[in-house]
Amino acid sequence: IPLLVLLVLSVDEVTNLLSGIGYRILIEVIPESNVWVITKEYLIGDNVKCIVLPTIYPTFSAICINLGVCVVCALLLKLFKVLGKPLGIFTLFGLVTHMAACLFFLFAQEYFPYKIEDYSFSYISQQIGLWMIFIVLAGLVIGFMGEGGYVYKTITFFGIMLYSFVFGTIRYILYLYILYRISTLYMVLLFFVVGPSFDFAYFVALYAGFINRTIKEYDYGKR
């Protein structure tokens, strides 16, 4: 609870740190005149900092190529009979999502309402929400799992939060760079398919490691 309150009260400082790191890295590969850090009001009444880049729209040929690649990949999934497997289902979801984006840009690109600024602010807002959820979830599932082992529980909890911040920052910078260097055609794919799902995937992976170690300690009678 104290860490959750601290995050709520320091949203501006946390996003300022994240955007500052992103800005310093992006100006190494993008002209500094094309990179800005702006302040926007957040849902809880605080301000957040986010990075803004010029919005690049896809060309007709790029849309057609992406659409063709999606169709070929979907056929390959069917050919190799992996549609019923978890990875196949996830890949198909990504392909369908990207195909929908391609079709929208093909026929109604002028009506696409979002710019990189909107994506950047949405990403930052999403990460803040995920960090709050992770603080609550990690505190509950780790704190009430077994007896004792407080040092290891504390390390696991802060390890999850640190990993979430570091990975979230790296992904933020990488996704903005992709949208700037290629186009906004990938905005929907990056936000919905390889966005929160990745966060929860590594949360489950780290938690599974904690559970595995806890079970082994019980098996060996260390508790």
Protein backbone atom coordinates (compact mmCIF):
# COMPACT_ATOMS: atom_id res chain seq x y z
CA ILE A 1 0.00 0.00 0.00
CA PRO A 2 2.73 2.58 0.84
CA LEU A 3 4.46 1.91 -2.50
CA LEU A 4 1.15 2.27 -4.34
CA VAL A 5 0.48 5.61 -2.64
CA LEU A 6 4.04 6.71 -3.42
CA LEU A 7 3.54 5.89 -7.12
CA VAL A 8 0.25 7.80 -7.24
CA LEU A 9 1.86 10.84 -5.63
CA SER A 10 4.95 10.76 -7.86
CA VAL A 11 3.45 10.06 -11.28
CA ASP A 12 4.96 13.26 -12.67
CA GLU A 13 8.45 12.40 -11.41
CA VAL A 14 8.31 8.78 -12.61
CA THR A 15 7.14 9.68 -16.11
CA ASN A 16 9.67 12.51 -16.22
CA LEU A 17 12.42 9.95 -15.54
CA LEU A 18 11.05 7.52 -18.14
CA SER A 19 10.62 10.20 -20.82
CA GLY A 20 14.00 11.73 -19.99
CA ILE A 21 15.74 8.40 -20.55
CA GLY A 22 13.82 7.89 -23.78
CA TYR A 23 14.62 11.39 -25.01
CA ARG A 24 18.36 11.02 -24.43
CA ILE A 25 18.42 7.71 -26.31
CA LEU A 26 16.19 8.76 -29.20
CA ILE A 27 18.14 11.94 -30.01
CA GLU A 28 21.12 9.67 -30.72
CA VAL A 29 19.26 8.07 -33.65
CA ILE A 30 16.69 10.74 -34.55
CA PRO A 31 17.34 14.46 -35.23
CA GLU A 32 16.92 16.31 -31.94
CA SER A 33 14.58 18.81 -33.61
CA ASN A 34 12.09 15.95 -34.17
CA VAL A 35 11.98 14.80 -30.55
CA TRP A 36 10.00 16.63 -27.87
CA VAL A 37 8.90 15.94 -24.31
CA ILE A 38 5.49 17.36 -23.44
CA THR A 39 3.33 17.48 -20.32
CA LYS A 40 -0.25 16.20 -20.36
CA GLU A 41 -2.88 15.88 -17.67
CA TYR A 42 -3.42 12.36 -16.38
CA LEU A 43 -6.71 10.76 -15.31
CA ILE A 44 -6.01 11.08 -11.60
CA GLY A 45 -5.46 14.82 -11.87
CA ASP A 46 -1.68 14.71 -12.00
CA ASN A 47 0.57 15.52 -14.95
CA VAL A 48 2.62 13.05 -16.97
CA LYS A 49 5.55 13.58 -19.30
CA CYS A 50 5.62 11.82 -22.67
CA ILE A 51 7.73 11.88 -25.83
CA VAL A 52 6.36 13.23 -29.10
CA LEU A 53 7.73 12.50 -32.59
CA PRO A 54 6.48 13.44 -36.07
CA THR A 55 3.70 11.16 -37.28
CA ILE A 56 4.63 9.09 -40.34
CA TYR A 57 1.82 7.58 -42.44
CA PRO A 58 2.30 4.43 -44.53
CA THR A 59 2.54 4.43 -48.31
CA PHE A 60 0.18 2.45 -50.52
CA SER A 61 2.90 -0.04 -51.41
CA ALA A 62 3.84 -0.57 -47.76
CA ILE A 63 0.21 -1.28 -46.87
CA CYS A 64 -0.13 -3.83 -49.68
CA ILE A 65 3.13 -5.55 -48.75
CA ASN A 66 2.11 -5.83 -45.10
CA LEU A 67 -1.31 -7.14 -46.07
CA GLY A 68 0.25 -9.75 -48.34
CA VAL A 69 2.71 -10.87 -45.66
CA CYS A 70 -0.14 -11.26 -43.17
CA VAL A 71 -2.11 -13.45 -45.58
CA VAL A 72 0.93 -15.64 -46.33
CA CYS A 73 1.74 -16.02 -42.63
CA ALA A 74 -1.87 -16.98 -41.84
CA LEU A 75 -1.77 -19.63 -44.57
CA LEU A 76 1.51 -20.98 -43.19
CA LEU A 77 -0.06 -21.30 -39.74
CA LYS A 78 -2.85 -23.34 -41.31
CA LEU A 79 -0.41 -25.39 -43.38
CA PHE A 80 1.77 -26.34 -40.41
CA LYS A 81 -1.30 -27.00 -38.23
CA VAL A 82 -0.32 -24.76 -35.33
CA LEU A 83 -3.53 -22.75 -35.09
CA GLY A 84 -4.73 -24.79 -32.12
CA LYS A 85 -1.58 -24.17 -30.10
CA PRO A 86 -1.10 -21.16 -27.78
CA LEU A 87 1.66 -19.59 -29.87
CA GLY A 88 -0.34 -20.16 -33.05
CA ILE A 89 -3.43 -18.54 -31.55
CA PHE A 90 -1.43 -15.55 -30.34
CA THR A 91 0.26 -15.19 -33.75
CA LEU A 92 -3.08 -15.40 -35.55
CA PHE A 93 -4.50 -12.74 -33.25
CA GLY A 94 -1.59 -10.48 -34.15
CA LEU A 95 -1.99 -11.16 -37.87
CA VAL A 96 -5.74 -10.48 -37.83
CA THR A 97 -5.19 -7.27 -35.87
CA HIS A 98 -2.52 -6.08 -38.28
CA MET A 99 -4.63 -7.04 -41.31
CA ALA A 100 -7.50 -4.96 -39.93
CA ALA A 101 -5.13 -2.01 -39.53
CA CYS A 102 -3.85 -2.50 -43.09
CA LEU A 103 -7.37 -2.53 -44.52
CA PHE A 104 -8.28 0.60 -42.58
CA PHE A 105 -5.22 2.48 -43.86
CA LEU A 106 -5.85 1.16 -47.35
CA PHE A 107 -9.39 2.52 -47.61
CA ALA A 108 -9.69 5.20 -44.93
CA GLN A 109 -6.24 6.44 -43.98
CA GLU A 110 -7.37 10.05 -43.86
CA TYR A 111 -9.82 9.15 -41.07
CA PHE A 112 -7.20 7.57 -38.77
CA PRO A 113 -7.56 9.74 -35.65
CA TYR A 114 -4.33 9.01 -33.80
CA LYS A 115 -0.85 10.48 -33.96
CA ILE A 116 2.36 9.38 -32.27
CA GLU A 117 1.55 11.89 -29.52
CA ASP A 118 -1.67 9.99 -28.77
CA TYR A 119 0.14 6.66 -28.79
CA SER A 120 2.88 7.97 -26.52
CA PHE A 121 0.43 9.36 -23.96
CA SER A 122 -1.69 6.19 -24.09
CA TYR A 123 1.38 4.03 -23.54
CA ILE A 124 2.52 6.06 -20.54
CA SER A 125 -0.99 6.03 -19.06
CA GLN A 126 -1.25 2.29 -19.63
CA GLN A 127 2.11 1.64 -17.95
CA ILE A 128 1.12 3.65 -14.90
CA GLY A 129 -2.05 1.59 -14.61
CA LEU A 130 -0.11 -1.66 -15.03
CA TRP A 131 2.44 -0.67 -12.40
CA MET A 132 -0.38 0.02 -9.95
CA ILE A 133 -1.96 -3.36 -10.73
CA PHE A 134 1.40 -5.13 -10.39
CA ILE A 135 2.06 -3.52 -7.01
CA VAL A 136 -1.28 -4.85 -5.73
CA LEU A 137 -1.01 -8.29 -7.38
CA ALA A 138 2.63 -8.86 -6.48
CA GLY A 139 2.02 -7.77 -2.90
CA LEU A 140 -0.94 -10.13 -2.52
CA VAL A 141 0.34 -13.25 -4.27
CA ILE A 142 3.88 -13.02 -2.88
CA GLY A 143 3.08 -11.71 0.59
CA PHE A 144 0.57 -14.45 1.40
CA MET A 145 2.48 -17.34 -0.20
CA GLY A 146 3.99 -19.49 2.53
CA GLU A 147 5.45 -18.47 5.85
CA GLY A 148 8.73 -16.66 6.46
CA GLY A 149 11.19 -15.97 3.67
CA TYR A 150 10.61 -12.24 3.95
CA VAL A 151 13.94 -11.31 2.44
CA TYR A 152 13.33 -13.44 -0.66
CA LYS A 153 9.74 -12.17 -0.92
CA THR A 154 10.96 -8.59 -0.75
CA ILE A 155 13.63 -9.22 -3.39
CA THR A 156 11.06 -10.90 -5.66
CA PHE A 157 8.55 -8.06 -5.25
CA PHE A 158 11.02 -5.28 -6.02
CA GLY A 159 12.58 -7.42 -8.76
CA ILE A 160 9.22 -7.63 -10.52
CA MET A 161 8.67 -3.88 -10.23
CA LEU A 162 12.20 -3.02 -11.38
CA TYR A 163 11.95 -5.39 -14.33
CA SER A 164 8.57 -3.90 -15.23
CA PHE A 165 9.99 -0.37 -15.23
CA VAL A 166 13.15 -1.27 -17.18
CA PHE A 167 11.37 -3.43 -19.76
CA GLY A 168 8.52 -0.92 -20.06
CA THR A 169 11.01 1.87 -20.75
CA ILE A 170 12.93 -0.14 -23.35
CA ARG A 171 9.72 -1.13 -25.10
CA TYR A 172 8.48 2.49 -25.04
CA ILE A 173 11.63 3.74 -26.75
CA LEU A 174 11.72 0.89 -29.28
CA TYR A 175 8.05 1.22 -30.25
CA LEU A 176 8.31 4.98 -30.73
CA TYR A 177 11.36 4.46 -32.91
CA ILE A 178 9.50 1.86 -35.04
CA LEU A 179 6.52 4.19 -35.52
CA TYR A 180 8.84 7.04 -36.52
CA ARG A 181 11.14 5.05 -38.82
CA ILE A 182 8.42 2.94 -40.48
CA SER A 183 4.91 4.32 -39.97
CA THR A 184 1.81 4.43 -37.80
CA LEU A 185 0.61 1.30 -39.62
CA TYR A 186 2.08 -0.68 -36.71
CA MET A 187 0.48 1.41 -33.97
CA VAL A 188 -2.47 -0.92 -33.35
CA LEU A 189 -0.26 -4.03 -33.40
CA LEU A 190 2.26 -2.56 -30.96
CA PHE A 191 -0.35 -1.24 -28.56
CA PHE A 192 -2.81 -4.14 -28.38
CA VAL A 193 -0.87 -7.27 -29.35
CA VAL A 194 2.63 -6.77 -27.93
CA GLY A 195 1.61 -4.33 -25.24
CA PRO A 196 -0.01 -5.39 -21.93
CA SER A 197 0.17 -9.08 -22.89
CA PHE A 198 3.97 -8.93 -22.62
CA ASP A 199 3.76 -7.27 -19.22
CA PHE A 200 1.51 -9.97 -17.81
CA ALA A 201 3.61 -12.69 -19.49
CA TYR A 202 6.79 -11.72 -17.66
CA PHE A 203 4.84 -11.11 -14.45
CA VAL A 204 3.56 -14.69 -14.60
CA ALA A 205 7.04 -15.97 -15.51
CA LEU A 206 8.70 -14.24 -12.54
CA TYR A 207 5.92 -15.31 -10.20
CA ALA A 208 6.23 -18.89 -11.45
CA GLY A 209 9.94 -18.79 -10.59
CA PHE A 210 9.07 -17.61 -7.08
CA ILE A 211 6.48 -20.37 -6.64
CA ASN A 212 8.89 -23.01 -7.94
CA ARG A 213 11.56 -21.96 -5.43
CA THR A 214 9.02 -21.85 -2.59
CA ILE A 215 7.80 -25.37 -3.38
CA LYS A 216 11.35 -26.70 -3.49
CA GLU A 217 12.10 -25.18 -0.11
CA TYR A 218 9.02 -26.85 1.36
CA ASP A 219 10.00 -30.16 -0.26
CA TYR A 220 13.46 -29.98 1.28
CA GLY A 221 12.08 -28.93 4.65
CA LYS A 222 13.76 -25.55 4.77
CA ARG A 223 10.72 -23.87 6.27
